[in-house]
Amino acid sequence: MYYNNRLQASTQFNINDIIELKFKYEDGSIDIDKFKLTGNWKSKDCDYYQEITLNSPLGKAIYMKELKSKVEYTVNDKLIVVDILKKIM
């Protein structure tokens, strides 16, 4: 059972993980970028990735989700579909 929990944790996106996400917007445009989920109330600037907070719409949508899964969230009444592509760190 311990092994299964460790395996599951390695395939889920958690706080301080850096992952690559693919965004699909309603207008058909697509963006791919790297993000780090943080428990801090304020995100920091970084050249390698964007930091997002756990309480943000995106942070809530991806927290503890499996890699290779698809999630959806809305901002300003616009649907955004996100593919969780891979864990970087």
PDB file of N, CA and C in Angstrom:
ATOM      1  N   MET A   1       0.807  -1.191   0.000  1.00  0.00           N
ATOM      2  CA  MET A   1       0.000   0.000   0.000  1.00  0.00           C
ATOM      3  C   MET A   1       0.853   1.259   0.000  1.00  0.00           C
ATOM      4  N   TYR A   2       1.958   1.234   0.706  1.00  0.00           N
ATOM      5  CA  TYR A   2       2.860   2.378   0.733  1.00  0.00           C
ATOM      6  C   TYR A   2       3.368   2.671  -0.676  1.00  0.00           C
ATOM      7  N   TYR A   3       3.723   1.632  -1.413  1.00  0.00           N
ATOM      8  CA  TYR A   3       4.212   1.795  -2.778  1.00  0.00           C
ATOM      9  C   TYR A   3       3.154   2.455  -3.661  1.00  0.00           C
ATOM     10  N   ASN A   4       1.909   2.020  -3.557  1.00  0.00           N
ATOM     11  CA  ASN A   4       0.837   2.594  -4.361  1.00  0.00           C
ATOM     12  C   ASN A   4       0.635   4.072  -4.058  1.00  0.00           C
ATOM     13  N   ASN A   5       0.728   4.468  -2.797  1.00  0.00           N
ATOM     14  CA  ASN A   5       0.584   5.877  -2.441  1.00  0.00           C
ATOM     15  C   ASN A   5       1.719   6.711  -3.017  1.00  0.00           C
ATOM     16  N   ARG A   6       2.931   6.176  -2.991  1.00  0.00           N
ATOM     17  CA  ARG A   6       4.074   6.897  -3.557  1.00  0.00           C
ATOM     18  C   ARG A   6       3.943   7.021  -5.063  1.00  0.00           C
ATOM     19  N   LEU A   7       3.495   5.950  -5.715  1.00  0.00           N
ATOM     20  CA  LEU A   7       3.306   5.986  -7.156  1.00  0.00           C
ATOM     21  C   LEU A   7       2.232   6.995  -7.525  1.00  0.00           C
ATOM     22  N   GLN A   8       1.131   6.996  -6.795  1.00  0.00           N
ATOM     23  CA  GLN A   8       0.060   7.935  -7.067  1.00  0.00           C
ATOM     24  C   GLN A   8       0.540   9.363  -6.857  1.00  0.00           C
ATOM     25  N   ALA A   9       1.287   9.610  -5.806  1.00  0.00           N
ATOM     26  CA  ALA A   9       1.786  10.955  -5.533  1.00  0.00           C
ATOM     27  C   ALA A   9       2.714  11.432  -6.643  1.00  0.00           C
ATOM     28  N   SER A  10       3.463  10.521  -7.271  1.00  0.00           N
ATOM     29  CA  SER A  10       4.379  10.923  -8.332  1.00  0.00           C
ATOM     30  C   SER A  10       3.655  11.235  -9.638  1.00  0.00           C
ATOM     31  N   THR A  11       2.393  10.833  -9.776  1.00  0.00           N
ATOM     32  CA  THR A  11       1.644  11.103 -10.999  1.00  0.00           C
ATOM     33  C   THR A  11       0.606  12.203 -10.805  1.00  0.00           C
ATOM     34  N   GLN A  12       0.556  12.805  -9.630  1.00  0.00           N
ATOM     35  CA  GLN A  12      -0.375  13.889  -9.353  1.00  0.00           C
ATOM     36  C   GLN A  12       0.383  15.195  -9.220  1.00  0.00           C
ATOM     37  N   PHE A  13      -0.292  16.281  -9.552  1.00  0.00           N
ATOM     38  CA  PHE A  13       0.293  17.611  -9.417  1.00  0.00           C
ATOM     39  C   PHE A  13       0.022  18.122  -8.014  1.00  0.00           C
ATOM     40  N   ASN A  14       1.082  18.485  -7.297  1.00  0.00           N
ATOM     41  CA  ASN A  14       0.975  18.902  -5.913  1.00  0.00           C
ATOM     42  C   ASN A  14       1.699  20.236  -5.724  1.00  0.00           C
ATOM     43  N   ILE A  15       1.617  20.792  -4.537  1.00  0.00           N
ATOM     44  CA  ILE A  15       2.294  22.045  -4.229  1.00  0.00           C
ATOM     45  C   ILE A  15       3.800  21.883  -4.429  1.00  0.00           C
ATOM     46  N   ASN A  16       4.416  22.888  -5.048  1.00  0.00           N
ATOM     47  CA  ASN A  16       5.841  22.991  -5.372  1.00  0.00           C
ATOM     48  C   ASN A  16       6.268  22.152  -6.571  1.00  0.00           C
ATOM     49  N   ASP A  17       5.362  21.418  -7.207  1.00  0.00           N
ATOM     50  CA  ASP A  17       5.696  20.738  -8.451  1.00  0.00           C
ATOM     51  C   ASP A  17       5.689  21.752  -9.588  1.00  0.00           C
ATOM     52  N   ILE A  18       6.538  21.506 -10.574  1.00  0.00           N
ATOM     53  CA  ILE A  18       6.545  22.317 -11.791  1.00  0.00           C
ATOM     54  C   ILE A  18       6.058  21.417 -12.916  1.00  0.00           C
ATOM     55  N   ILE A  19       5.044  21.864 -13.633  1.00  0.00           N
ATOM     56  CA  ILE A  19       4.477  21.057 -14.711  1.00  0.00           C
ATOM     57  C   ILE A  19       4.284  21.902 -15.961  1.00  0.00           C
ATOM     58  N   GLU A  20       4.117  21.182 -17.066  1.00  0.00           N
ATOM     59  CA  GLU A  20       3.829  21.837 -18.332  1.00  0.00           C
ATOM     60  C   GLU A  20       2.348  21.660 -18.642  1.00  0.00           C
ATOM     61  N   LEU A  21       1.681  22.764 -18.962  1.00  0.00           N
ATOM     62  CA  LEU A  21       0.251  22.760 -19.238  1.00  0.00           C
ATOM     63  C   LEU A  21      -0.019  23.260 -20.645  1.00  0.00           C
ATOM     64  N   LYS A  22      -1.050  22.693 -21.255  1.00  0.00           N
ATOM     65  CA  LYS A  22      -1.508  23.133 -22.569  1.00  0.00           C
ATOM     66  C   LYS A  22      -2.908  23.719 -22.407  1.00  0.00           C
ATOM     67  N   PHE A  23      -3.069  24.988 -22.755  1.00  0.00           N
ATOM     68  CA  PHE A  23      -4.334  25.699 -22.619  1.00  0.00           C
ATOM     69  C   PHE A  23      -5.044  25.763 -23.958  1.00  0.00           C
ATOM     70  N   LYS A  24      -6.328  25.433 -23.958  1.00  0.00           N
ATOM     71  CA  LYS A  24      -7.164  25.545 -25.149  1.00  0.00           C
ATOM     72  C   LYS A  24      -8.296  26.513 -24.822  1.00  0.00           C
ATOM     73  N   TYR A  25      -8.352  27.618 -25.558  1.00  0.00           N
ATOM     74  CA  TYR A  25      -9.329  28.658 -25.291  1.00  0.00           C
ATOM     75  C   TYR A  25     -10.529  28.533 -26.234  1.00  0.00           C
ATOM     76  N   GLU A  26     -11.624  29.187 -25.864  1.00  0.00           N
ATOM     77  CA  GLU A  26     -12.858  29.130 -26.654  1.00  0.00           C
ATOM     78  C   GLU A  26     -12.667  29.607 -28.083  1.00  0.00           C
ATOM     79  N   ASP A  27     -11.749  30.549 -28.307  1.00  0.00           N
ATOM     80  CA  ASP A  27     -11.530  31.073 -29.656  1.00  0.00           C
ATOM     81  C   ASP A  27     -10.647  30.160 -30.511  1.00  0.00           C
ATOM     82  N   GLY A  28     -10.219  29.021 -29.942  1.00  0.00           N
ATOM     83  CA  GLY A  28      -9.411  28.057 -30.682  1.00  0.00           C
ATOM     84  C   GLY A  28      -7.917  28.213 -30.492  1.00  0.00           C
ATOM     85  N   SER A  29      -7.482  29.268 -29.830  1.00  0.00           N
ATOM     86  CA  SER A  29      -6.042  29.455 -29.621  1.00  0.00           C
ATOM     87  C   SER A  29      -5.523  28.480 -28.559  1.00  0.00           C
ATOM     88  N   ILE A  30      -4.220  28.199 -28.664  1.00  0.00           N
ATOM     89  CA  ILE A  30      -3.563  27.240 -27.763  1.00  0.00           C
ATOM     90  C   ILE A  30      -2.271  27.855 -27.245  1.00  0.00           C
ATOM     91  N   ASP A  31      -2.003  27.673 -25.949  1.00  0.00           N
ATOM     92  CA  ASP A  31      -0.753  28.088 -25.316  1.00  0.00           C
ATOM     93  C   ASP A  31      -0.197  26.912 -24.529  1.00  0.00           C
ATOM     94  N   ILE A  32       1.130  26.772 -24.524  1.00  0.00           N
ATOM     95  CA  ILE A  32       1.800  25.778 -23.687  1.00  0.00           C
ATOM     96  C   ILE A  32       2.811  26.524 -22.832  1.00  0.00           C
ATOM     97  N   ASP A  33       2.776  26.269 -21.516  1.00  0.00           N
ATOM     98  CA  ASP A  33       3.684  26.961 -20.608  1.00  0.00           C
ATOM     99  C   ASP A  33       3.936  26.116 -19.370  1.00  0.00           C
ATOM    100  N   LYS A  34       4.952  26.504 -18.595  1.00  0.00           N
ATOM    101  CA  LYS A  34       5.322  25.802 -17.364  1.00  0.00           C
ATOM    102  C   LYS A  34       4.821  26.592 -16.161  1.00  0.00           C
ATOM    103  N   PHE A  35       4.358  25.845 -15.138  1.00  0.00           N
ATOM    104  CA  PHE A  35       3.807  26.460 -13.942  1.00  0.00           C
ATOM    105  C   PHE A  35       4.273  25.735 -12.693  1.00  0.00           C
ATOM    106  N   LYS A  36       4.363  26.492 -11.608  1.00  0.00           N
ATOM    107  CA  LYS A  36       4.633  25.926 -10.292  1.00  0.00           C
ATOM    108  C   LYS A  36       3.485  26.338  -9.374  1.00  0.00           C
ATOM    109  N   LEU A  37       2.896  25.347  -8.715  1.00  0.00           N
ATOM    110  CA  LEU A  37       1.809  25.619  -7.784  1.00  0.00           C
ATOM    111  C   LEU A  37       2.391  25.921  -6.414  1.00  0.00           C
ATOM    112  N   THR A  38       1.955  27.018  -5.823  1.00  0.00           N
ATOM    113  CA  THR A  38       2.479  27.413  -4.520  1.00  0.00           C
ATOM    114  C   THR A  38       1.341  27.605  -3.521  1.00  0.00           C
ATOM    115  N   GLY A  39       1.644  27.360  -2.270  1.00  0.00           N
ATOM    116  CA  GLY A  39       0.681  27.596  -1.205  1.00  0.00           C
ATOM    117  C   GLY A  39       0.746  29.020  -0.684  1.00  0.00           C
ATOM    118  N   ASN A  40       1.702  29.806  -1.195  1.00  0.00           N
ATOM    119  CA  ASN A  40       1.825  31.211  -0.781  1.00  0.00           C
ATOM    120  C   ASN A  40       0.624  31.999  -1.267  1.00  0.00           C
ATOM    121  N   TRP A  41       0.319  33.057  -0.594  1.00  0.00           N
ATOM    122  CA  TRP A  41      -0.807  33.899  -0.989  1.00  0.00           C
ATOM    123  C   TRP A  41      -0.470  34.785  -2.168  1.00  0.00           C
ATOM    124  N   LYS A  42       0.821  34.973  -2.434  1.00  0.00           N
ATOM    125  CA  LYS A  42       1.251  35.827  -3.541  1.00  0.00           C
ATOM    126  C   LYS A  42       2.267  35.072  -4.385  1.00  0.00           C
ATOM    127  N   SER A  43       2.083  35.089  -5.695  1.00  0.00           N
ATOM    128  CA  SER A  43       3.017  34.392  -6.573  1.00  0.00           C
ATOM    129  C   SER A  43       4.245  35.264  -6.830  1.00  0.00           C
ATOM    130  N   LYS A  44       5.353  34.602  -7.212  1.00  0.00           N
ATOM    131  CA  LYS A  44       6.611  35.283  -7.489  1.00  0.00           C
ATOM    132  C   LYS A  44       6.913  35.216  -8.974  1.00  0.00           C
ATOM    133  N   ASP A  45       7.751  36.147  -9.450  1.00  0.00           N
ATOM    134  CA  ASP A  45       8.187  36.135 -10.843  1.00  0.00           C
ATOM    135  C   ASP A  45       9.376  35.199 -11.009  1.00  0.00           C
ATOM    136  N   CYS A  46       9.393  34.476 -12.125  1.00  0.00           N
ATOM    137  CA  CYS A  46      10.491  33.563 -12.436  1.00  0.00           C
ATOM    138  C   CYS A  46      10.593  33.470 -13.962  1.00  0.00           C
ATOM    139  N   ASP A  47      11.808  33.356 -14.490  1.00  0.00           N
ATOM    140  CA  ASP A  47      11.998  33.260 -15.937  1.00  0.00           C
ATOM    141  C   ASP A  47      11.642  31.890 -16.490  1.00  0.00           C
ATOM    142  N   TYR A  48      11.792  30.841 -15.694  1.00  0.00           N
ATOM    143  CA  TYR A  48      11.607  29.468 -16.173  1.00  0.00           C
ATOM    144  C   TYR A  48      10.148  29.016 -16.147  1.00  0.00           C
ATOM    145  N   TYR A  49       9.380  29.496 -15.175  1.00  0.00           N
ATOM    146  CA  TYR A  49       7.987  29.082 -15.024  1.00  0.00           C
ATOM    147  C   TYR A  49       7.178  30.223 -14.410  1.00  0.00           C
ATOM    148  N   GLN A  50       5.859  30.096 -14.507  1.00  0.00           N
ATOM    149  CA  GLN A  50       4.965  31.031 -13.832  1.00  0.00           C
ATOM    150  C   GLN A  50       4.495  30.381 -12.541  1.00  0.00           C
ATOM    151  N   GLU A  51       4.494  31.126 -11.485  1.00  0.00           N
ATOM    152  CA  GLU A  51       4.003  30.611 -10.216  1.00  0.00           C
ATOM    153  C   GLU A  51       2.519  30.927 -10.097  1.00  0.00           C
ATOM    154  N   ILE A  52       1.737  29.942  -9.670  1.00  0.00           N
ATOM    155  CA  ILE A  52       0.311  30.159  -9.454  1.00  0.00           C
ATOM    156  C   ILE A  52      -0.035  29.731  -8.037  1.00  0.00           C
ATOM    157  N   THR A  53      -0.997  30.413  -7.459  1.00  0.00           N
ATOM    158  CA  THR A  53      -1.378  30.100  -6.087  1.00  0.00           C
ATOM    159  C   THR A  53      -2.455  29.019  -6.060  1.00  0.00           C
ATOM    160  N   LEU A  54      -2.490  28.304  -4.974  1.00  0.00           N
ATOM    161  CA  LEU A  54      -3.461  27.227  -4.784  1.00  0.00           C
ATOM    162  C   LEU A  54      -4.896  27.746  -4.834  1.00  0.00           C
ATOM    163  N   ASN A  55      -5.119  28.977  -4.428  1.00  0.00           N
ATOM    164  CA  ASN A  55      -6.470  29.539  -4.387  1.00  0.00           C
ATOM    165  C   ASN A  55      -6.908  30.195  -5.690  1.00  0.00           C
ATOM    166  N   SER A  56      -6.048  30.232  -6.685  1.00  0.00           N
ATOM    167  CA  SER A  56      -6.432  30.804  -7.979  1.00  0.00           C
ATOM    168  C   SER A  56      -7.340  29.814  -8.717  1.00  0.00           C
ATOM    169  N   PRO A  57      -8.108  30.280  -9.697  1.00  0.00           N
ATOM    170  CA  PRO A  57      -8.961  29.350 -10.455  1.00  0.00           C
ATOM    171  C   PRO A  57      -8.164  28.208 -11.092  1.00  0.00           C
ATOM    172  N   LEU A  58      -7.014  28.522 -11.668  1.00  0.00           N
ATOM    173  CA  LEU A  58      -6.186  27.478 -12.265  1.00  0.00           C
ATOM    174  C   LEU A  58      -5.616  26.558 -11.190  1.00  0.00           C
ATOM    175  N   GLY A  59      -5.144  27.117 -10.087  1.00  0.00           N
ATOM    176  CA  GLY A  59      -4.597  26.311  -9.000  1.00  0.00           C
ATOM    177  C   GLY A  59      -5.617  25.330  -8.455  1.00  0.00           C
ATOM    178  N   LYS A  60      -6.840  25.790  -8.263  1.00  0.00           N
ATOM    179  CA  LYS A  60      -7.908  24.909  -7.779  1.00  0.00           C
ATOM    180  C   LYS A  60      -8.223  23.811  -8.789  1.00  0.00           C
ATOM    181  N   ALA A  61      -8.151  24.142 -10.073  1.00  0.00           N
ATOM    182  CA  ALA A  61      -8.496  23.174 -11.112  1.00  0.00           C
ATOM    183  C   ALA A  61      -7.464  22.049 -11.239  1.00  0.00           C
ATOM    184  N   ILE A  62      -6.182  22.348 -11.015  1.00  0.00           N
ATOM    185  CA  ILE A  62      -5.153  21.339 -11.260  1.00  0.00           C
ATOM    186  C   ILE A  62      -4.614  20.659 -10.001  1.00  0.00           C
ATOM    187  N   TYR A  63      -4.887  21.208  -8.843  1.00  0.00           N
ATOM    188  CA  TYR A  63      -4.337  20.643  -7.603  1.00  0.00           C
ATOM    189  C   TYR A  63      -4.745  19.176  -7.441  1.00  0.00           C
ATOM    190  N   MET A  64      -3.763  18.312  -7.259  1.00  0.00           N
ATOM    191  CA  MET A  64      -3.913  16.864  -7.034  1.00  0.00           C
ATOM    192  C   MET A  64      -4.550  16.123  -8.215  1.00  0.00           C
ATOM    193  N   LYS A  65      -4.502  16.725  -9.393  1.00  0.00           N
ATOM    194  CA  LYS A  65      -4.986  16.034 -10.580  1.00  0.00           C
ATOM    195  C   LYS A  65      -3.872  15.167 -11.146  1.00  0.00           C
ATOM    196  N   GLU A  66      -4.266  14.125 -11.859  1.00  0.00           N
ATOM    197  CA  GLU A  66      -3.309  13.201 -12.464  1.00  0.00           C
ATOM    198  C   GLU A  66      -2.631  13.845 -13.675  1.00  0.00           C
ATOM    199  N   LEU A  67      -1.362  13.517 -13.870  1.00  0.00           N
ATOM    200  CA  LEU A  67      -0.683  13.924 -15.091  1.00  0.00           C
ATOM    201  C   LEU A  67      -1.388  13.283 -16.274  1.00  0.00           C
ATOM    202  N   LYS A  68      -1.349  13.935 -17.401  1.00  0.00           N
ATOM    203  CA  LYS A  68      -2.008  13.510 -18.646  1.00  0.00           C
ATOM    204  C   LYS A  68      -3.524  13.663 -18.588  1.00  0.00           C
ATOM    205  N   SER A  69      -4.058  14.325 -17.546  1.00  0.00           N
ATOM    206  CA  SER A  69      -5.501  14.509 -17.470  1.00  0.00           C
ATOM    207  C   SER A  69      -5.886  15.871 -18.054  1.00  0.00           C
ATOM    208  N   LYS A  70      -7.180  16.066 -18.215  1.00  0.00           N
ATOM    209  CA  LYS A  70      -7.733  17.302 -18.757  1.00  0.00           C
ATOM    210  C   LYS A  70      -8.652  17.906 -17.701  1.00  0.00           C
ATOM    211  N   VAL A  71      -8.505  19.203 -17.453  1.00  0.00           N
ATOM    212  CA  VAL A  71      -9.366  19.911 -16.507  1.00  0.00           C
ATOM    213  C   VAL A  71      -9.929  21.156 -17.187  1.00  0.00           C
ATOM    214  N   GLU A  72     -10.989  21.684 -16.614  1.00  0.00           N
ATOM    215  CA  GLU A  72     -11.610  22.903 -17.129  1.00  0.00           C
ATOM    216  C   GLU A  72     -11.820  23.883 -15.983  1.00  0.00           C
ATOM    217  N   TYR A  73     -11.719  25.161 -16.308  1.00  0.00           N
ATOM    218  CA  TYR A  73     -12.069  26.206 -15.350  1.00  0.00           C
ATOM    219  C   TYR A  73     -12.533  27.428 -16.132  1.00  0.00           C
ATOM    220  N   THR A  74     -13.159  28.348 -15.450  1.00  0.00           N
ATOM    221  CA  THR A  74     -13.646  29.551 -16.118  1.00  0.00           C
ATOM    222  C   THR A  74     -13.049  30.802 -15.494  1.00  0.00           C
ATOM    223  N   VAL A  75     -12.828  31.784 -16.355  1.00  0.00           N
ATOM    224  CA  VAL A  75     -12.380  33.105 -15.935  1.00  0.00           C
ATOM    225  C   VAL A  75     -13.181  34.109 -16.751  1.00  0.00           C
ATOM    226  N   ASN A  76     -13.826  35.027 -16.064  1.00  0.00           N
ATOM    227  CA  ASN A  76     -14.668  36.029 -16.730  1.00  0.00           C
ATOM    228  C   ASN A  76     -15.675  35.374 -17.683  1.00  0.00           C
ATOM    229  N   ASP A  77     -16.310  34.323 -17.216  1.00  0.00           N
ATOM    230  CA  ASP A  77     -17.319  33.579 -17.976  1.00  0.00           C
ATOM    231  C   ASP A  77     -16.775  32.940 -19.260  1.00  0.00           C
ATOM    232  N   LYS A  78     -15.464  32.755 -19.360  1.00  0.00           N
ATOM    233  CA  LYS A  78     -14.864  32.096 -20.517  1.00  0.00           C
ATOM    234  C   LYS A  78     -14.275  30.764 -20.072  1.00  0.00           C
ATOM    235  N   LEU A  79     -14.633  29.716 -20.794  1.00  0.00           N
ATOM    236  CA  LEU A  79     -14.151  28.373 -20.482  1.00  0.00           C
ATOM    237  C   LEU A  79     -12.730  28.187 -20.996  1.00  0.00           C
ATOM    238  N   ILE A  80     -11.879  27.634 -20.142  1.00  0.00           N
ATOM    239  CA  ILE A  80     -10.505  27.310 -20.518  1.00  0.00           C
ATOM    240  C   ILE A  80     -10.291  25.834 -20.224  1.00  0.00           C
ATOM    241  N   VAL A  81      -9.838  25.092 -21.224  1.00  0.00           N
ATOM    242  CA  VAL A  81      -9.552  23.667 -21.079  1.00  0.00           C
ATOM    243  C   VAL A  81      -8.040  23.513 -20.973  1.00  0.00           C
ATOM    244  N   VAL A  82      -7.599  22.726 -19.991  1.00  0.00           N
ATOM    245  CA  VAL A  82      -6.171  22.571 -19.732  1.00  0.00           C
ATOM    246  C   VAL A  82      -5.805  21.084 -19.760  1.00  0.00           C
ATOM    247  N   ASP A  83      -4.796  20.752 -20.562  1.00  0.00           N
ATOM    248  CA  ASP A  83      -4.210  19.416 -20.546  1.00  0.00           C
ATOM    249  C   ASP A  83      -2.966  19.477 -19.677  1.00  0.00           C
ATOM    250  N   ILE A  84      -2.870  18.576 -18.695  1.00  0.00           N
ATOM    251  CA  ILE A  84      -1.674  18.491 -17.861  1.00  0.00           C
ATOM    252  C   ILE A  84      -0.709  17.556 -18.580  1.00  0.00           C
ATOM    253  N   LEU A  85       0.323  18.131 -19.203  1.00  0.00           N
ATOM    254  CA  LEU A  85       1.190  17.369 -20.089  1.00  0.00           C
ATOM    255  C   LEU A  85       2.241  16.547 -19.369  1.00  0.00           C
ATOM    256  N   LYS A  86       3.057  17.200 -18.530  1.00  0.00           N
ATOM    257  CA  LYS A  86       4.129  16.457 -17.852  1.00  0.00           C
ATOM    258  C   LYS A  86       4.634  17.202 -16.646  1.00  0.00           C
ATOM    259  N   LYS A  87       5.231  16.449 -15.738  1.00  0.00           N
ATOM    260  CA  LYS A  87       5.854  17.037 -14.536  1.00  0.00           C
ATOM    261  C   LYS A  87       7.318  17.285 -14.859  1.00  0.00           C
ATOM    262  N   ILE A  88       7.769  18.521 -14.631  1.00  0.00           N
ATOM    263  CA  ILE A  88       9.150  18.901 -14.895  1.00  0.00           C
ATOM    264  C   ILE A  88      10.019  18.605 -13.672  1.00  0.00           C
ATOM    265  N   MET A  89       9.545  18.979 -12.501  1.00  0.00           N
ATOM    266  CA  MET A  89      10.289  18.769 -11.248  1.00  0.00           C
ATOM    267  C   MET A  89       9.317  18.430 -10.157  1.00  0.00           C
TER     268      MET A  89
END
